[in-house]
Amino acid sequence: MPDKGKTMSQTYYERQSKLLNLYKESFIREGINADEVIVALRMIGFSNTIAVNRVNEWAALIGTAVPETDKEKKQRQKQQASLEKYIHKMRLGKRYNTDT
């Protein structure tokens, strides 16, 4: 019998992975705090336990990041916002898409 669970498209998976890396980078650079990261991970589909575990793993890496310029920071934030918009649109479905 076929699996009736939700499958993830390759594009969705790649964008979710990229967004996860951007969250990790922001957290390591101390751009956002642990609570914000947990909420963000929950919003893109991770359970609370997994989100907390990821943040705890990333906490060991704080302070190891190479300094970035303002241009790189703005570019990262812009890319993060774009990916969040895509993920939320896909999770809610086209029925709730308000962009026209």
PDB file of N, CA and C in Angstrom:
ATOM      1  N   MET A   1       0.838  -1.173   0.000  1.00  0.00           N
ATOM      2  CA  MET A   1       0.000   0.000   0.000  1.00  0.00           C
ATOM      3  C   MET A   1       0.893   1.250   0.000  1.00  0.00           C
ATOM      4  N   PRO A   2       0.553   2.236  -0.795  1.00  0.00           N
ATOM      5  CA  PRO A   2       1.393   3.442  -0.855  1.00  0.00           C
ATOM      6  C   PRO A   2       1.336   4.243   0.437  1.00  0.00           C
ATOM      7  N   ASP A   3       2.414   4.967   0.682  1.00  0.00           N
ATOM      8  CA  ASP A   3       2.497   5.833   1.860  1.00  0.00           C
ATOM      9  C   ASP A   3       1.629   7.064   1.617  1.00  0.00           C
ATOM     10  N   LYS A   4       0.743   7.342   2.543  1.00  0.00           N
ATOM     11  CA  LYS A   4      -0.157   8.484   2.389  1.00  0.00           C
ATOM     12  C   LYS A   4       0.338   9.709   3.133  1.00  0.00           C
ATOM     13  N   GLY A   5       1.564   9.650   3.636  1.00  0.00           N
ATOM     14  CA  GLY A   5       2.141  10.798   4.323  1.00  0.00           C
ATOM     15  C   GLY A   5       2.500  11.893   3.337  1.00  0.00           C
ATOM     16  N   LYS A   6       2.796  13.040   3.859  1.00  0.00           N
ATOM     17  CA  LYS A   6       3.166  14.177   3.025  1.00  0.00           C
ATOM     18  C   LYS A   6       4.608  14.035   2.564  1.00  0.00           C
ATOM     19  N   THR A   7       4.834  14.140   1.291  1.00  0.00           N
ATOM     20  CA  THR A   7       6.197  14.101   0.785  1.00  0.00           C
ATOM     21  C   THR A   7       6.687  15.518   0.579  1.00  0.00           C
ATOM     22  N   MET A   8       7.993  15.680   0.650  1.00  0.00           N
ATOM     23  CA  MET A   8       8.607  16.991   0.528  1.00  0.00           C
ATOM     24  C   MET A   8       9.278  17.075  -0.845  1.00  0.00           C
ATOM     25  N   SER A   9       8.996  18.127  -1.585  1.00  0.00           N
ATOM     26  CA  SER A   9       9.628  18.286  -2.880  1.00  0.00           C
ATOM     27  C   SER A   9      11.108  18.638  -2.702  1.00  0.00           C
ATOM     28  N   GLN A  10      11.865  18.393  -3.727  1.00  0.00           N
ATOM     29  CA  GLN A  10      13.303  18.684  -3.678  1.00  0.00           C
ATOM     30  C   GLN A  10      13.552  20.175  -3.463  1.00  0.00           C
ATOM     31  N   THR A  11      12.790  21.010  -4.137  1.00  0.00           N
ATOM     32  CA  THR A  11      12.945  22.459  -4.001  1.00  0.00           C
ATOM     33  C   THR A  11      12.636  22.905  -2.578  1.00  0.00           C
ATOM     34  N   TYR A  12      11.546  22.381  -2.020  1.00  0.00           N
ATOM     35  CA  TYR A  12      11.170  22.736  -0.663  1.00  0.00           C
ATOM     36  C   TYR A  12      12.258  22.311   0.315  1.00  0.00           C
ATOM     37  N   TYR A  13      12.767  21.088   0.148  1.00  0.00           N
ATOM     38  CA  TYR A  13      13.817  20.587   1.027  1.00  0.00           C
ATOM     39  C   TYR A  13      15.071  21.459   0.952  1.00  0.00           C
ATOM     40  N   GLU A  14      15.492  21.821  -0.268  1.00  0.00           N
ATOM     41  CA  GLU A  14      16.689  22.649  -0.439  1.00  0.00           C
ATOM     42  C   GLU A  14      16.511  24.019   0.202  1.00  0.00           C
ATOM     43  N   ARG A  15      15.356  24.611   0.015  1.00  0.00           N
ATOM     44  CA  ARG A  15      15.113  25.934   0.590  1.00  0.00           C
ATOM     45  C   ARG A  15      14.994  25.870   2.108  1.00  0.00           C
ATOM     46  N   GLN A  16      14.385  24.809   2.615  1.00  0.00           N
ATOM     47  CA  GLN A  16      14.299  24.647   4.060  1.00  0.00           C
ATOM     48  C   GLN A  16      15.695  24.449   4.657  1.00  0.00           C
ATOM     49  N   SER A  17      16.543  23.688   3.973  1.00  0.00           N
ATOM     50  CA  SER A  17      17.917  23.476   4.440  1.00  0.00           C
ATOM     51  C   SER A  17      18.711  24.775   4.431  1.00  0.00           C
ATOM     52  N   LYS A  18      18.535  25.572   3.386  1.00  0.00           N
ATOM     53  CA  LYS A  18      19.212  26.860   3.296  1.00  0.00           C
ATOM     54  C   LYS A  18      18.747  27.793   4.415  1.00  0.00           C
ATOM     55  N   LEU A  19      17.437  27.795   4.678  1.00  0.00           N
ATOM     56  CA  LEU A  19      16.891  28.630   5.745  1.00  0.00           C
ATOM     57  C   LEU A  19      17.420  28.167   7.105  1.00  0.00           C
ATOM     58  N   LEU A  20      17.535  26.879   7.293  1.00  0.00           N
ATOM     59  CA  LEU A  20      18.076  26.333   8.532  1.00  0.00           C
ATOM     60  C   LEU A  20      19.518  26.799   8.732  1.00  0.00           C
ATOM     61  N   ASN A  21      20.307  26.794   7.669  1.00  0.00           N
ATOM     62  CA  ASN A  21      21.691  27.277   7.754  1.00  0.00           C
ATOM     63  C   ASN A  21      21.760  28.769   8.048  1.00  0.00           C
ATOM     64  N   LEU A  22      20.828  29.534   7.499  1.00  0.00           N
ATOM     65  CA  LEU A  22      20.793  30.971   7.782  1.00  0.00           C
ATOM     66  C   LEU A  22      20.429  31.237   9.242  1.00  0.00           C
ATOM     67  N   TYR A  23      19.487  30.463   9.774  1.00  0.00           N
ATOM     68  CA  TYR A  23      19.160  30.589  11.195  1.00  0.00           C
ATOM     69  C   TYR A  23      20.373  30.253  12.050  1.00  0.00           C
ATOM     70  N   LYS A  24      21.059  29.202  11.677  1.00  0.00           N
ATOM     71  CA  LYS A  24      22.250  28.780  12.418  1.00  0.00           C
ATOM     72  C   LYS A  24      23.301  29.885  12.406  1.00  0.00           C
ATOM     73  N   GLU A  25      23.539  30.452  11.234  1.00  0.00           N
ATOM     74  CA  GLU A  25      24.525  31.518  11.095  1.00  0.00           C
ATOM     75  C   GLU A  25      24.130  32.751  11.922  1.00  0.00           C
ATOM     76  N   SER A  26      22.849  33.112  11.873  1.00  0.00           N
ATOM     77  CA  SER A  26      22.377  34.268  12.650  1.00  0.00           C
ATOM     78  C   SER A  26      22.540  34.028  14.141  1.00  0.00           C
ATOM     79  N   PHE A  27      22.238  32.813  14.580  1.00  0.00           N
ATOM     80  CA  PHE A  27      22.364  32.492  16.002  1.00  0.00           C
ATOM     81  C   PHE A  27      23.822  32.500  16.441  1.00  0.00           C
ATOM     82  N   ILE A  28      24.692  31.927  15.637  1.00  0.00           N
ATOM     83  CA  ILE A  28      26.114  31.881  15.977  1.00  0.00           C
ATOM     84  C   ILE A  28      26.693  33.285  16.031  1.00  0.00           C
ATOM     85  N   ARG A  29      26.249  34.157  15.137  1.00  0.00           N
ATOM     86  CA  ARG A  29      26.726  35.540  15.114  1.00  0.00           C
ATOM     87  C   ARG A  29      25.997  36.402  16.135  1.00  0.00           C
ATOM     88  N   GLU A  30      25.114  35.778  16.908  1.00  0.00           N
ATOM     89  CA  GLU A  30      24.351  36.435  17.958  1.00  0.00           C
ATOM     90  C   GLU A  30      23.439  37.528  17.417  1.00  0.00           C
ATOM     91  N   GLY A  31      22.906  37.298  16.217  1.00  0.00           N
ATOM     92  CA  GLY A  31      21.942  38.223  15.631  1.00  0.00           C
ATOM     93  C   GLY A  31      20.551  38.004  16.190  1.00  0.00           C
ATOM     94  N   ILE A  32      20.259  36.765  16.583  1.00  0.00           N
ATOM     95  CA  ILE A  32      18.983  36.433  17.196  1.00  0.00           C
ATOM     96  C   ILE A  32      19.249  35.538  18.402  1.00  0.00           C
ATOM     97  N   ASN A  33      18.338  35.582  19.365  1.00  0.00           N
ATOM     98  CA  ASN A  33      18.563  34.785  20.580  1.00  0.00           C
ATOM     99  C   ASN A  33      17.948  33.391  20.442  1.00  0.00           C
ATOM    100  N   ALA A  34      18.172  32.555  21.433  1.00  0.00           N
ATOM    101  CA  ALA A  34      17.758  31.151  21.390  1.00  0.00           C
ATOM    102  C   ALA A  34      16.239  31.005  21.286  1.00  0.00           C
ATOM    103  N   ASP A  35      15.496  31.810  22.018  1.00  0.00           N
ATOM    104  CA  ASP A  35      14.032  31.714  21.977  1.00  0.00           C
ATOM    105  C   ASP A  35      13.489  32.027  20.587  1.00  0.00           C
ATOM    106  N   GLU A  36      14.056  33.026  19.940  1.00  0.00           N
ATOM    107  CA  GLU A  36      13.624  33.393  18.594  1.00  0.00           C
ATOM    108  C   GLU A  36      13.928  32.283  17.606  1.00  0.00           C
ATOM    109  N   VAL A  37      15.073  31.646  17.750  1.00  0.00           N
ATOM    110  CA  VAL A  37      15.442  30.551  16.849  1.00  0.00           C
ATOM    111  C   VAL A  37      14.494  29.371  17.038  1.00  0.00           C
ATOM    112  N   ILE A  38      14.164  29.062  18.281  1.00  0.00           N
ATOM    113  CA  ILE A  38      13.250  27.947  18.546  1.00  0.00           C
ATOM    114  C   ILE A  38      11.883  28.207  17.916  1.00  0.00           C
ATOM    115  N   VAL A  39      11.384  29.414  18.072  1.00  0.00           N
ATOM    116  CA  VAL A  39      10.092  29.768  17.469  1.00  0.00           C
ATOM    117  C   VAL A  39      10.179  29.684  15.944  1.00  0.00           C
ATOM    118  N   ALA A  40      11.258  30.177  15.374  1.00  0.00           N
ATOM    119  CA  ALA A  40      11.426  30.135  13.919  1.00  0.00           C
ATOM    120  C   ALA A  40      11.491  28.695  13.415  1.00  0.00           C
ATOM    121  N   LEU A  41      12.213  27.852  14.112  1.00  0.00           N
ATOM    122  CA  LEU A  41      12.303  26.444  13.705  1.00  0.00           C
ATOM    123  C   LEU A  41      10.947  25.752  13.837  1.00  0.00           C
ATOM    124  N   ARG A  42      10.192  26.096  14.857  1.00  0.00           N
ATOM    125  CA  ARG A  42       8.850  25.530  15.020  1.00  0.00           C
ATOM    126  C   ARG A  42       7.959  25.955  13.861  1.00  0.00           C
ATOM    127  N   MET A  43       8.118  27.203  13.413  1.00  0.00           N
ATOM    128  CA  MET A  43       7.272  27.716  12.340  1.00  0.00           C
ATOM    129  C   MET A  43       7.571  27.060  11.002  1.00  0.00           C
ATOM    130  N   ILE A  44       8.789  26.556  10.812  1.00  0.00           N
ATOM    131  CA  ILE A  44       9.094  25.922   9.532  1.00  0.00           C
ATOM    132  C   ILE A  44       8.933  24.408   9.584  1.00  0.00           C
ATOM    133  N   GLY A  45       8.412  23.884  10.707  1.00  0.00           N
ATOM    134  CA  GLY A  45       8.034  22.485  10.731  1.00  0.00           C
ATOM    135  C   GLY A  45       8.774  21.567  11.676  1.00  0.00           C
ATOM    136  N   PHE A  46       9.676  22.068  12.478  1.00  0.00           N
ATOM    137  CA  PHE A  46      10.395  21.226  13.428  1.00  0.00           C
ATOM    138  C   PHE A  46       9.596  21.132  14.729  1.00  0.00           C
ATOM    139  N   SER A  47       9.710  19.994  15.404  1.00  0.00           N
ATOM    140  CA  SER A  47       9.046  19.857  16.699  1.00  0.00           C
ATOM    141  C   SER A  47       9.818  20.652  17.742  1.00  0.00           C
ATOM    142  N   ASN A  48       9.195  20.871  18.880  1.00  0.00           N
ATOM    143  CA  ASN A  48       9.829  21.646  19.938  1.00  0.00           C
ATOM    144  C   ASN A  48      11.107  20.968  20.423  1.00  0.00           C
ATOM    145  N   THR A  49      11.075  19.654  20.582  1.00  0.00           N
ATOM    146  CA  THR A  49      12.242  18.911  21.062  1.00  0.00           C
ATOM    147  C   THR A  49      13.412  19.029  20.094  1.00  0.00           C
ATOM    148  N   ILE A  50      13.139  18.843  18.820  1.00  0.00           N
ATOM    149  CA  ILE A  50      14.196  18.933  17.802  1.00  0.00           C
ATOM    150  C   ILE A  50      14.736  20.351  17.736  1.00  0.00           C
ATOM    151  N   ALA A  51      13.859  21.346  17.806  1.00  0.00           N
ATOM    152  CA  ALA A  51      14.296  22.746  17.755  1.00  0.00           C
ATOM    153  C   ALA A  51      15.221  23.072  18.927  1.00  0.00           C
ATOM    154  N   VAL A  52      14.857  22.633  20.124  1.00  0.00           N
ATOM    155  CA  VAL A  52      15.693  22.891  21.302  1.00  0.00           C
ATOM    156  C   VAL A  52      17.029  22.170  21.167  1.00  0.00           C
ATOM    157  N   ASN A  53      17.013  20.936  20.667  1.00  0.00           N
ATOM    158  CA  ASN A  53      18.264  20.194  20.477  1.00  0.00           C
ATOM    159  C   ASN A  53      19.185  20.889  19.480  1.00  0.00           C
ATOM    160  N   ARG A  54      18.619  21.388  18.382  1.00  0.00           N
ATOM    161  CA  ARG A  54      19.430  22.106  17.390  1.00  0.00           C
ATOM    162  C   ARG A  54      20.072  23.347  18.001  1.00  0.00           C
ATOM    163  N   VAL A  55      19.301  24.107  18.736  1.00  0.00           N
ATOM    164  CA  VAL A  55      19.812  25.335  19.351  1.00  0.00           C
ATOM    165  C   VAL A  55      20.921  24.999  20.347  1.00  0.00           C
ATOM    166  N   ASN A  56      20.745  23.948  21.115  1.00  0.00           N
ATOM    167  CA  ASN A  56      21.786  23.543  22.064  1.00  0.00           C
ATOM    168  C   ASN A  56      23.070  23.132  21.351  1.00  0.00           C
ATOM    169  N   GLU A  57      22.948  22.454  20.218  1.00  0.00           N
ATOM    170  CA  GLU A  57      24.131  22.093  19.425  1.00  0.00           C
ATOM    171  C   GLU A  57      24.825  23.343  18.896  1.00  0.00           C
ATOM    172  N   TRP A  58      24.036  24.293  18.422  1.00  0.00           N
ATOM    173  CA  TRP A  58      24.596  25.515  17.855  1.00  0.00           C
ATOM    174  C   TRP A  58      25.209  26.406  18.915  1.00  0.00           C
ATOM    175  N   ALA A  59      24.733  26.314  20.149  1.00  0.00           N
ATOM    176  CA  ALA A  59      25.240  27.169  21.221  1.00  0.00           C
ATOM    177  C   ALA A  59      26.726  26.933  21.466  1.00  0.00           C
ATOM    178  N   ALA A  60      27.194  25.734  21.191  1.00  0.00           N
ATOM    179  CA  ALA A  60      28.620  25.426  21.362  1.00  0.00           C
ATOM    180  C   ALA A  60      29.476  26.146  20.327  1.00  0.00           C
ATOM    181  N   LEU A  61      28.874  26.583  19.236  1.00  0.00           N
ATOM    182  CA  LEU A  61      29.612  27.231  18.152  1.00  0.00           C
ATOM    183  C   LEU A  61      29.650  28.752  18.258  1.00  0.00           C
ATOM    184  N   ILE A  62      28.960  29.310  19.245  1.00  0.00           N
ATOM    185  CA  ILE A  62      28.907  30.774  19.375  1.00  0.00           C
ATOM    186  C   ILE A  62      30.315  31.327  19.566  1.00  0.00           C
ATOM    187  N   GLY A  63      30.617  32.373  18.834  1.00  0.00           N
ATOM    188  CA  GLY A  63      31.917  33.027  18.937  1.00  0.00           C
ATOM    189  C   GLY A  63      32.940  32.508  17.940  1.00  0.00           C
ATOM    190  N   THR A  64      32.588  31.479  17.165  1.00  0.00           N
ATOM    191  CA  THR A  64      33.534  30.922  16.197  1.00  0.00           C
ATOM    192  C   THR A  64      33.359  31.533  14.804  1.00  0.00           C
ATOM    193  N   ALA A  65      32.365  32.380  14.626  1.00  0.00           N
ATOM    194  CA  ALA A  65      32.084  32.948  13.314  1.00  0.00           C
ATOM    195  C   ALA A  65      33.080  34.048  12.953  1.00  0.00           C
ATOM    196  N   VAL A  66      33.351  34.131  11.672  1.00  0.00           N
ATOM    197  CA  VAL A  66      34.213  35.179  11.132  1.00  0.00           C
ATOM    198  C   VAL A  66      33.376  36.457  11.047  1.00  0.00           C
ATOM    199  N   PRO A  67      33.927  37.620  11.394  1.00  0.00           N
ATOM    200  CA  PRO A  67      33.160  38.869  11.306  1.00  0.00           C
ATOM    201  C   PRO A  67      32.638  39.110   9.888  1.00  0.00           C
ATOM    202  N   GLU A  68      31.461  39.720   9.812  1.00  0.00           N
ATOM    203  CA  GLU A  68      30.858  39.989   8.506  1.00  0.00           C
ATOM    204  C   GLU A  68      30.620  41.480   8.332  1.00  0.00           C
ATOM    205  N   THR A  69      30.537  41.891   7.087  1.00  0.00           N
ATOM    206  CA  THR A  69      30.281  43.295   6.792  1.00  0.00           C
ATOM    207  C   THR A  69      28.780  43.571   6.849  1.00  0.00           C
ATOM    208  N   ASP A  70      28.422  44.847   6.852  1.00  0.00           N
ATOM    209  CA  ASP A  70      27.006  45.209   6.861  1.00  0.00           C
ATOM    210  C   ASP A  70      26.307  44.721   5.593  1.00  0.00           C
ATOM    211  N   LYS A  71      27.011  44.764   4.480  1.00  0.00           N
ATOM    212  CA  LYS A  71      26.441  44.308   3.218  1.00  0.00           C
ATOM    213  C   LYS A  71      26.097  42.822   3.290  1.00  0.00           C
ATOM    214  N   GLU A  72      26.992  42.012   3.832  1.00  0.00           N
ATOM    215  CA  GLU A  72      26.741  40.578   3.962  1.00  0.00           C
ATOM    216  C   GLU A  72      25.580  40.314   4.914  1.00  0.00           C
ATOM    217  N   LYS A  73      25.507  41.089   5.983  1.00  0.00           N
ATOM    218  CA  LYS A  73      24.439  40.928   6.963  1.00  0.00           C
ATOM    219  C   LYS A  73      23.087  41.247   6.335  1.00  0.00           C
ATOM    220  N   LYS A  74      23.003  42.345   5.581  1.00  0.00           N
ATOM    221  CA  LYS A  74      21.759  42.717   4.930  1.00  0.00           C
ATOM    222  C   LYS A  74      21.350  41.676   3.897  1.00  0.00           C
ATOM    223  N   GLN A  75      22.328  41.161   3.158  1.00  0.00           N
ATOM    224  CA  GLN A  75      22.045  40.148   2.153  1.00  0.00           C
ATOM    225  C   GLN A  75      21.514  38.864   2.815  1.00  0.00           C
ATOM    226  N   ARG A  76      22.103  38.471   3.932  1.00  0.00           N
ATOM    227  CA  ARG A  76      21.664  37.278   4.659  1.00  0.00           C
ATOM    228  C   ARG A  76      20.241  37.466   5.167  1.00  0.00           C
ATOM    229  N   GLN A  77      19.942  38.645   5.714  1.00  0.00           N
ATOM    230  CA  GLN A  77      18.609  38.915   6.229  1.00  0.00           C
ATOM    231  C   GLN A  77      17.565  38.948   5.118  1.00  0.00           C
ATOM    232  N   LYS A  78      17.938  39.498   3.978  1.00  0.00           N
ATOM    233  CA  LYS A  78      17.029  39.559   2.844  1.00  0.00           C
ATOM    234  C   LYS A  78      16.723  38.150   2.329  1.00  0.00           C
ATOM    235  N   GLN A  79      17.749  37.329   2.222  1.00  0.00           N
ATOM    236  CA  GLN A  79      17.582  35.962   1.761  1.00  0.00           C
ATOM    237  C   GLN A  79      16.739  35.166   2.763  1.00  0.00           C
ATOM    238  N   GLN A  80      16.972  35.393   4.036  1.00  0.00           N
ATOM    239  CA  GLN A  80      16.221  34.706   5.078  1.00  0.00           C
ATOM    240  C   GLN A  80      14.738  35.061   4.990  1.00  0.00           C
ATOM    241  N   ALA A  81      14.429  36.326   4.797  1.00  0.00           N
ATOM    242  CA  ALA A  81      13.035  36.762   4.686  1.00  0.00           C
ATOM    243  C   ALA A  81      12.361  36.139   3.466  1.00  0.00           C
ATOM    244  N   SER A  82      13.076  36.077   2.363  1.00  0.00           N
ATOM    245  CA  SER A  82      12.529  35.487   1.149  1.00  0.00           C
ATOM    246  C   SER A  82      12.233  33.996   1.339  1.00  0.00           C
ATOM    247  N   LEU A  83      13.159  33.277   1.949  1.00  0.00           N
ATOM    248  CA  LEU A  83      12.956  31.848   2.174  1.00  0.00           C
ATOM    249  C   LEU A  83      11.832  31.592   3.173  1.00  0.00           C
ATOM    250  N   GLU A  84      11.733  32.424   4.208  1.00  0.00           N
ATOM    251  CA  GLU A  84      10.640  32.286   5.176  1.00  0.00           C
ATOM    252  C   GLU A  84       9.292  32.480   4.485  1.00  0.00           C
ATOM    253  N   LYS A  85       9.210  33.443   3.607  1.00  0.00           N
ATOM    254  CA  LYS A  85       7.971  33.704   2.878  1.00  0.00           C
ATOM    255  C   LYS A  85       7.589  32.492   2.043  1.00  0.00           C
ATOM    256  N   TYR A  86       8.561  31.895   1.366  1.00  0.00           N
ATOM    257  CA  TYR A  86       8.310  30.716   0.543  1.00  0.00           C
ATOM    258  C   TYR A  86       7.834  29.542   1.401  1.00  0.00           C
ATOM    259  N   ILE A  87       8.532  29.280   2.501  1.00  0.00           N
ATOM    260  CA  ILE A  87       8.195  28.148   3.373  1.00  0.00           C
ATOM    261  C   ILE A  87       6.789  28.315   3.943  1.00  0.00           C
ATOM    262  N   HIS A  88       6.465  29.516   4.414  1.00  0.00           N
ATOM    263  CA  HIS A  88       5.141  29.750   4.977  1.00  0.00           C
ATOM    264  C   HIS A  88       4.055  29.615   3.915  1.00  0.00           C
ATOM    265  N   LYS A  89       4.321  30.090   2.727  1.00  0.00           N
ATOM    266  CA  LYS A  89       3.354  29.985   1.646  1.00  0.00           C
ATOM    267  C   LYS A  89       3.100  28.520   1.304  1.00  0.00           C
ATOM    268  N   MET A  90       4.143  27.726   1.265  1.00  0.00           N
ATOM    269  CA  MET A  90       3.998  26.312   0.933  1.00  0.00           C
ATOM    270  C   MET A  90       3.299  25.545   2.060  1.00  0.00           C
ATOM    271  N   ARG A  91       3.588  25.892   3.304  1.00  0.00           N
ATOM    272  CA  ARG A  91       2.961  25.193   4.435  1.00  0.00           C
ATOM    273  C   ARG A  91       1.473  25.535   4.553  1.00  0.00           C
ATOM    274  N   LEU A  92       1.120  26.775   4.281  1.00  0.00           N
ATOM    275  CA  LEU A  92      -0.276  27.171   4.370  1.00  0.00           C
ATOM    276  C   LEU A  92      -1.065  26.769   3.145  1.00  0.00           C
ATOM    277  N   GLY A  93      -0.397  26.661   2.020  1.00  0.00           N
ATOM    278  CA  GLY A  93      -1.072  26.310   0.788  1.00  0.00           C
ATOM    279  C   GLY A  93      -1.498  27.532   0.023  1.00  0.00           C
ATOM    280  N   LYS A  94      -1.870  27.320  -1.204  1.00  0.00           N
ATOM    281  CA  LYS A  94      -2.242  28.425  -2.081  1.00  0.00           C
ATOM    282  C   LYS A  94      -3.540  29.075  -1.649  1.00  0.00           C
ATOM    283  N   ARG A  95      -4.378  28.339  -0.930  1.00  0.00           N
ATOM    284  CA  ARG A  95      -5.664  28.861  -0.493  1.00  0.00           C
ATOM    285  C   ARG A  95      -5.516  30.085   0.382  1.00  0.00           C
ATOM    286  N   TYR A  96      -4.431  30.128   1.193  1.00  0.00           N
ATOM    287  CA  TYR A  96      -4.236  31.241   2.111  1.00  0.00           C
ATOM    288  C   TYR A  96      -3.228  32.270   1.599  1.00  0.00           C
ATOM    289  N   ASN A  97      -2.771  32.136   0.388  1.00  0.00           N
ATOM    290  CA  ASN A  97      -1.802  33.045  -0.178  1.00  0.00           C
ATOM    291  C   ASN A  97      -2.468  34.398  -0.418  1.00  0.00           C
ATOM    292  N   THR A  98      -1.951  35.428   0.216  1.00  0.00           N
ATOM    293  CA  THR A  98      -2.530  36.768   0.088  1.00  0.00           C
ATOM    294  C   THR A  98      -1.807  37.624  -0.938  1.00  0.00           C
ATOM    295  N   ASP A  99      -0.712  37.081  -1.510  1.00  0.00           N
ATOM    296  CA  ASP A  99       0.033  37.846  -2.522  1.00  0.00           C
ATOM    297  C   ASP A  99      -0.724  37.764  -3.844  1.00  0.00           C
ATOM    298  N   THR A 100      -1.071  38.909  -4.405  1.00  0.00           N
ATOM    299  CA  THR A 100      -1.756  38.923  -5.696  1.00  0.00           C
ATOM    300  C   THR A 100      -1.081  39.866  -6.625  1.00  0.00           C
TER     301      THR A 100
END
